[in-house]
N, C-alpha and C. Protein backbone atom coordinates (compact mmCIF):
# COMPACT_ATOMS: atom_id res chain seq x y z
N MET A 1 -9.14 93.79 -84.35
CA MET A 1 -9.00 92.61 -83.52
C MET A 1 -9.88 92.77 -82.29
N GLY A 2 -10.42 91.65 -81.86
CA GLY A 2 -11.45 91.70 -80.82
C GLY A 2 -10.90 91.68 -79.41
N ASN A 3 -11.73 91.16 -78.51
CA ASN A 3 -11.36 91.10 -77.10
C ASN A 3 -10.30 90.04 -76.87
N PHE A 4 -9.60 90.18 -75.78
CA PHE A 4 -8.56 89.21 -75.45
C PHE A 4 -9.21 87.92 -74.95
N ILE A 5 -8.85 86.81 -75.57
CA ILE A 5 -9.34 85.52 -75.11
C ILE A 5 -8.20 84.71 -74.51
N ARG A 6 -6.98 85.15 -74.74
CA ARG A 6 -5.81 84.50 -74.13
C ARG A 6 -4.91 85.58 -73.55
N ASP A 7 -4.31 85.26 -72.42
CA ASP A 7 -3.32 86.16 -71.83
C ASP A 7 -1.94 85.68 -72.22
N ILE A 8 -1.04 86.62 -72.45
CA ILE A 8 0.33 86.29 -72.81
C ILE A 8 1.25 86.77 -71.69
N PHE A 9 2.11 85.89 -71.27
CA PHE A 9 2.96 86.14 -70.10
C PHE A 9 4.39 85.81 -70.49
N TYR A 10 5.34 86.64 -70.08
CA TYR A 10 6.75 86.38 -70.40
C TYR A 10 7.42 85.72 -69.21
N PHE A 11 8.02 84.56 -69.42
CA PHE A 11 8.74 83.90 -68.33
C PHE A 11 10.13 84.51 -68.22
N LYS A 12 10.40 85.13 -67.06
CA LYS A 12 11.67 85.82 -66.82
C LYS A 12 11.96 86.78 -67.98
N ASN A 13 13.22 86.91 -68.41
CA ASN A 13 13.52 87.90 -69.44
C ASN A 13 13.84 87.30 -70.80
N TYR A 14 13.54 86.00 -70.97
CA TYR A 14 13.98 85.33 -72.20
C TYR A 14 13.41 85.98 -73.46
N TYR A 15 12.11 86.16 -73.49
CA TYR A 15 11.50 86.77 -74.67
C TYR A 15 11.90 88.24 -74.79
N LEU A 16 11.85 88.96 -73.67
CA LEU A 16 12.11 90.41 -73.73
C LEU A 16 13.54 90.71 -74.19
N ASP A 17 14.50 89.89 -73.76
CA ASP A 17 15.88 90.09 -74.22
C ASP A 17 15.99 89.86 -75.72
N PHE A 18 15.33 88.81 -76.19
CA PHE A 18 15.30 88.51 -77.63
C PHE A 18 14.63 89.66 -78.38
N PHE A 19 13.47 90.08 -77.90
CA PHE A 19 12.69 91.14 -78.54
C PHE A 19 13.50 92.43 -78.63
N GLY A 20 14.25 92.73 -77.57
CA GLY A 20 15.06 93.94 -77.53
C GLY A 20 16.14 93.98 -78.59
N SER A 21 16.53 92.81 -79.08
CA SER A 21 17.61 92.73 -80.08
C SER A 21 17.11 92.86 -81.51
N LEU A 22 15.80 92.94 -81.69
CA LEU A 22 15.23 92.91 -83.04
C LEU A 22 15.12 94.28 -83.68
N LYS A 23 15.07 94.28 -85.01
CA LYS A 23 14.85 95.52 -85.76
C LYS A 23 13.40 96.00 -85.56
N PRO A 24 13.16 97.30 -85.66
CA PRO A 24 11.82 97.85 -85.41
C PRO A 24 10.71 97.15 -86.20
N GLU A 25 10.95 96.84 -87.48
CA GLU A 25 9.87 96.23 -88.27
C GLU A 25 9.59 94.80 -87.81
N VAL A 26 10.60 94.13 -87.26
CA VAL A 26 10.38 92.78 -86.74
C VAL A 26 9.63 92.86 -85.41
N LYS A 27 9.99 93.85 -84.59
CA LYS A 27 9.27 94.06 -83.33
C LYS A 27 7.78 94.30 -83.59
N SER A 28 7.49 95.15 -84.57
CA SER A 28 6.07 95.45 -84.80
C SER A 28 5.33 94.23 -85.33
N LYS A 29 6.00 93.39 -86.11
CA LYS A 29 5.36 92.15 -86.59
C LYS A 29 5.13 91.18 -85.43
N PHE A 30 6.08 91.12 -84.49
CA PHE A 30 5.88 90.28 -83.30
C PHE A 30 4.70 90.80 -82.48
N ASN A 31 4.63 92.12 -82.29
CA ASN A 31 3.51 92.68 -81.52
C ASN A 31 2.17 92.38 -82.18
N TRP A 32 2.12 92.51 -83.50
CA TRP A 32 0.91 92.21 -84.26
C TRP A 32 0.54 90.73 -84.10
N THR A 33 1.55 89.86 -84.21
CA THR A 33 1.32 88.41 -84.13
C THR A 33 0.84 88.02 -82.73
N LEU A 34 1.44 88.60 -81.70
CA LEU A 34 1.01 88.28 -80.33
C LEU A 34 -0.41 88.76 -80.08
N GLN A 35 -0.76 89.90 -80.65
CA GLN A 35 -2.13 90.40 -80.50
C GLN A 35 -3.11 89.45 -81.19
N LEU A 36 -2.72 88.95 -82.35
CA LEU A 36 -3.54 87.97 -83.08
C LEU A 36 -3.76 86.73 -82.22
N ILE A 37 -2.67 86.20 -81.65
CA ILE A 37 -2.75 85.00 -80.82
C ILE A 37 -3.64 85.23 -79.60
N ALA A 38 -3.58 86.45 -79.06
CA ALA A 38 -4.36 86.77 -77.86
C ALA A 38 -5.84 86.96 -78.15
N THR A 39 -6.19 87.31 -79.39
CA THR A 39 -7.57 87.73 -79.65
C THR A 39 -8.35 86.85 -80.62
N VAL A 40 -7.66 86.03 -81.42
CA VAL A 40 -8.36 85.25 -82.44
C VAL A 40 -8.62 83.83 -81.94
N ASP A 41 -9.84 83.36 -82.12
CA ASP A 41 -10.22 82.05 -81.60
C ASP A 41 -9.34 80.93 -82.18
N ARG A 42 -9.30 80.86 -83.51
CA ARG A 42 -8.46 79.85 -84.15
C ARG A 42 -7.30 80.53 -84.87
N VAL A 43 -6.14 80.46 -84.28
CA VAL A 43 -4.97 81.15 -84.84
C VAL A 43 -4.39 80.30 -85.97
N PRO A 44 -4.20 80.88 -87.17
CA PRO A 44 -3.62 80.09 -88.27
C PRO A 44 -2.24 79.53 -87.90
N GLU A 45 -1.99 78.29 -88.36
CA GLU A 45 -0.71 77.63 -88.09
C GLU A 45 0.48 78.42 -88.61
N LYS A 46 0.23 79.25 -89.59
CA LYS A 46 1.29 80.09 -90.14
C LYS A 46 1.94 80.94 -89.02
N PHE A 47 1.14 81.28 -88.00
CA PHE A 47 1.62 82.16 -86.92
C PHE A 47 1.87 81.43 -85.60
N PHE A 48 1.21 80.29 -85.42
CA PHE A 48 1.23 79.63 -84.10
C PHE A 48 1.04 78.14 -84.31
N LYS A 49 2.11 77.37 -84.08
CA LYS A 49 2.06 75.97 -84.47
C LYS A 49 2.58 75.08 -83.36
N HIS A 50 1.84 74.00 -83.11
CA HIS A 50 2.29 73.01 -82.12
C HIS A 50 3.53 72.30 -82.66
N MET A 51 4.53 72.12 -81.80
CA MET A 51 5.76 71.44 -82.19
C MET A 51 5.63 69.95 -81.87
N SER A 52 5.58 69.13 -82.91
CA SER A 52 5.45 67.70 -82.65
C SER A 52 6.73 67.18 -82.01
N GLY A 53 6.59 66.15 -81.20
CA GLY A 53 7.74 65.57 -80.51
C GLY A 53 8.21 66.38 -79.32
N THR A 54 7.39 67.32 -78.85
CA THR A 54 7.74 68.09 -77.65
C THR A 54 6.65 67.86 -76.60
N SER A 55 6.86 68.41 -75.42
CA SER A 55 5.89 68.25 -74.32
C SER A 55 4.83 69.34 -74.37
N GLY A 56 4.37 69.68 -75.56
CA GLY A 56 3.34 70.71 -75.66
C GLY A 56 3.89 72.09 -75.91
N LEU A 57 5.03 72.15 -76.60
CA LEU A 57 5.57 73.46 -76.97
C LEU A 57 4.89 73.95 -78.25
N TYR A 58 4.71 75.25 -78.33
CA TYR A 58 4.19 75.89 -79.53
C TYR A 58 5.22 76.88 -80.03
N GLU A 59 5.24 77.04 -81.34
CA GLU A 59 6.17 77.96 -81.97
C GLU A 59 5.37 79.16 -82.47
N ILE A 60 5.76 80.35 -82.03
CA ILE A 60 5.18 81.58 -82.57
C ILE A 60 6.07 81.96 -83.74
N ARG A 61 5.46 82.15 -84.91
CA ARG A 61 6.23 82.27 -86.15
C ARG A 61 6.07 83.65 -86.76
N VAL A 62 7.20 84.29 -87.02
CA VAL A 62 7.17 85.62 -87.63
C VAL A 62 8.16 85.64 -88.79
N GLU A 63 7.70 86.15 -89.93
CA GLU A 63 8.59 86.30 -91.08
C GLU A 63 8.52 87.74 -91.55
N VAL A 64 9.71 88.31 -91.77
CA VAL A 64 9.80 89.67 -92.30
C VAL A 64 10.78 89.60 -93.46
N GLY A 65 10.26 89.78 -94.66
CA GLY A 65 11.10 89.59 -95.85
C GLY A 65 11.56 88.14 -95.89
N THR A 66 12.87 87.94 -96.00
CA THR A 66 13.39 86.57 -96.05
C THR A 66 13.83 86.10 -94.66
N ASP A 67 13.69 86.98 -93.65
CA ASP A 67 14.11 86.61 -92.30
C ASP A 67 12.98 85.89 -91.57
N ILE A 68 13.35 84.80 -90.89
CA ILE A 68 12.38 83.99 -90.17
C ILE A 68 12.75 83.99 -88.69
N TYR A 69 11.77 84.25 -87.85
CA TYR A 69 11.98 84.29 -86.40
C TYR A 69 10.99 83.36 -85.73
N ARG A 70 11.43 82.77 -84.63
CA ARG A 70 10.56 81.87 -83.87
C ARG A 70 10.71 82.16 -82.39
N VAL A 71 9.60 82.01 -81.68
CA VAL A 71 9.62 82.09 -80.22
C VAL A 71 8.85 80.88 -79.71
N PHE A 72 9.41 80.19 -78.73
CA PHE A 72 8.72 79.06 -78.13
C PHE A 72 7.78 79.52 -77.04
N SER A 73 6.69 78.79 -76.88
CA SER A 73 5.71 79.11 -75.86
C SER A 73 4.99 77.83 -75.47
N PHE A 74 4.19 77.93 -74.40
CA PHE A 74 3.38 76.79 -73.98
C PHE A 74 2.18 77.34 -73.21
N PHE A 75 1.20 76.47 -73.01
CA PHE A 75 -0.02 76.88 -72.30
C PHE A 75 0.07 76.54 -70.83
N ASP A 76 -0.55 77.39 -70.03
CA ASP A 76 -0.77 77.11 -68.62
C ASP A 76 -2.24 77.42 -68.37
N LYS A 77 -2.96 76.51 -67.75
CA LYS A 77 -4.39 76.69 -67.48
C LYS A 77 -5.19 77.04 -68.73
N GLY A 78 -4.85 76.45 -69.85
CA GLY A 78 -5.70 76.59 -71.03
C GLY A 78 -5.57 77.87 -71.83
N GLN A 79 -5.76 79.03 -71.21
CA GLN A 79 -5.76 80.26 -72.00
C GLN A 79 -4.59 81.20 -71.69
N LEU A 80 -3.69 80.75 -70.82
CA LEU A 80 -2.52 81.57 -70.51
C LEU A 80 -1.36 81.04 -71.34
N ILE A 81 -0.75 81.91 -72.14
CA ILE A 81 0.38 81.49 -72.98
C ILE A 81 1.65 82.07 -72.40
N ILE A 82 2.61 81.19 -72.15
CA ILE A 82 3.87 81.58 -71.55
C ILE A 82 4.94 81.61 -72.65
N LEU A 83 5.59 82.76 -72.81
CA LEU A 83 6.64 82.90 -73.82
C LEU A 83 8.01 82.67 -73.20
N VAL A 84 8.82 81.88 -73.91
CA VAL A 84 10.19 81.67 -73.45
C VAL A 84 11.17 82.13 -74.53
N ASN A 85 12.10 81.29 -74.94
CA ASN A 85 13.20 81.73 -75.80
C ASN A 85 12.79 81.96 -77.25
N GLY A 86 13.46 82.93 -77.87
CA GLY A 86 13.26 83.22 -79.27
C GLY A 86 14.59 83.19 -80.00
N PHE A 87 14.53 83.02 -81.32
CA PHE A 87 15.75 82.97 -82.12
C PHE A 87 15.42 83.27 -83.57
N GLN A 88 16.44 83.62 -84.32
CA GLN A 88 16.28 83.78 -85.76
C GLN A 88 16.61 82.44 -86.40
N LYS A 89 15.73 82.00 -87.27
CA LYS A 89 15.88 80.68 -87.87
C LYS A 89 16.71 80.79 -89.14
N LYS A 90 17.81 80.05 -89.19
CA LYS A 90 18.73 80.13 -90.33
C LYS A 90 18.66 78.88 -91.21
N THR A 91 18.06 77.80 -90.70
CA THR A 91 18.02 76.54 -91.45
C THR A 91 16.60 76.02 -91.47
N GLN A 92 16.35 74.98 -92.27
CA GLN A 92 15.02 74.38 -92.36
C GLN A 92 14.59 73.83 -91.00
N LYS A 93 15.50 73.11 -90.35
CA LYS A 93 15.14 72.47 -89.09
C LYS A 93 15.33 73.42 -87.91
N THR A 94 14.41 73.33 -86.96
CA THR A 94 14.55 74.12 -85.74
C THR A 94 15.71 73.55 -84.94
N PRO A 95 16.64 74.41 -84.50
CA PRO A 95 17.81 73.91 -83.76
C PRO A 95 17.42 73.13 -82.50
N LYS A 96 18.00 71.95 -82.35
CA LYS A 96 17.70 71.09 -81.19
C LYS A 96 18.01 71.79 -79.88
N ALA A 97 19.07 72.59 -79.86
CA ALA A 97 19.45 73.29 -78.62
C ALA A 97 18.35 74.27 -78.19
N GLU A 98 17.69 74.91 -79.15
CA GLU A 98 16.61 75.85 -78.83
C GLU A 98 15.40 75.11 -78.26
N ILE A 99 15.10 73.94 -78.84
CA ILE A 99 13.98 73.12 -78.33
C ILE A 99 14.31 72.65 -76.91
N ALA A 100 15.55 72.18 -76.71
CA ALA A 100 15.97 71.70 -75.39
C ALA A 100 15.87 72.82 -74.35
N LEU A 101 16.28 74.03 -74.73
CA LEU A 101 16.19 75.17 -73.83
C LEU A 101 14.74 75.46 -73.47
N ALA A 102 13.87 75.45 -74.47
CA ALA A 102 12.45 75.72 -74.23
C ALA A 102 11.84 74.67 -73.29
N GLU A 103 12.20 73.41 -73.48
CA GLU A 103 11.71 72.33 -72.60
C GLU A 103 12.18 72.57 -71.17
N LYS A 104 13.44 72.96 -71.03
CA LYS A 104 14.03 73.21 -69.71
C LYS A 104 13.32 74.39 -69.04
N LEU A 105 13.06 75.45 -69.79
CA LEU A 105 12.39 76.63 -69.24
C LEU A 105 10.95 76.33 -68.86
N LYS A 106 10.30 75.48 -69.64
CA LYS A 106 8.93 75.10 -69.33
C LYS A 106 8.90 74.35 -68.00
N LYS A 107 9.83 73.42 -67.81
CA LYS A 107 9.91 72.66 -66.56
C LYS A 107 10.19 73.61 -65.39
N GLU A 108 11.12 74.53 -65.61
CA GLU A 108 11.48 75.52 -64.59
C GLU A 108 10.26 76.35 -64.19
N TYR A 109 9.50 76.77 -65.18
CA TYR A 109 8.29 77.58 -64.93
C TYR A 109 7.33 76.83 -64.01
N PHE A 110 7.02 75.56 -64.35
CA PHE A 110 6.06 74.81 -63.56
C PHE A 110 6.63 74.42 -62.19
N ASP A 111 7.93 74.15 -62.13
CA ASP A 111 8.55 73.84 -60.83
C ASP A 111 8.47 75.03 -59.88
N GLU A 112 8.71 76.22 -60.42
CA GLU A 112 8.71 77.43 -59.58
C GLU A 112 7.28 77.82 -59.17
N LYS A 113 6.33 77.47 -60.02
CA LYS A 113 4.94 77.82 -59.76
C LYS A 113 4.35 76.99 -58.62
N ASP A 114 4.76 75.72 -58.56
CA ASP A 114 4.16 74.80 -57.58
C ASP A 114 4.64 75.04 -56.16
């Protein structure tokens, strides 16, 4: 993997608390995926996908075996990616409460920044 073209930033402890709860093989897949997002010009949607119907939220997608994990993120100043809440996905649809939380955290991030 090449040079970093995007910086990844954790907003408060949301991602780190989630990450801390994961099994080692899931952690390493998340680390690999974040490195991919940071270094690859066009990240495949399989790993990083815009969430339609949101205010610019992106889903970081990790699958290990049959387990599916998601972390919400958004852009600040184009190349800075801010990570917020993560969860294990148990159903086809992304839980509305998780999307609502991510939207709230995004607003909080920009409010605190200004």
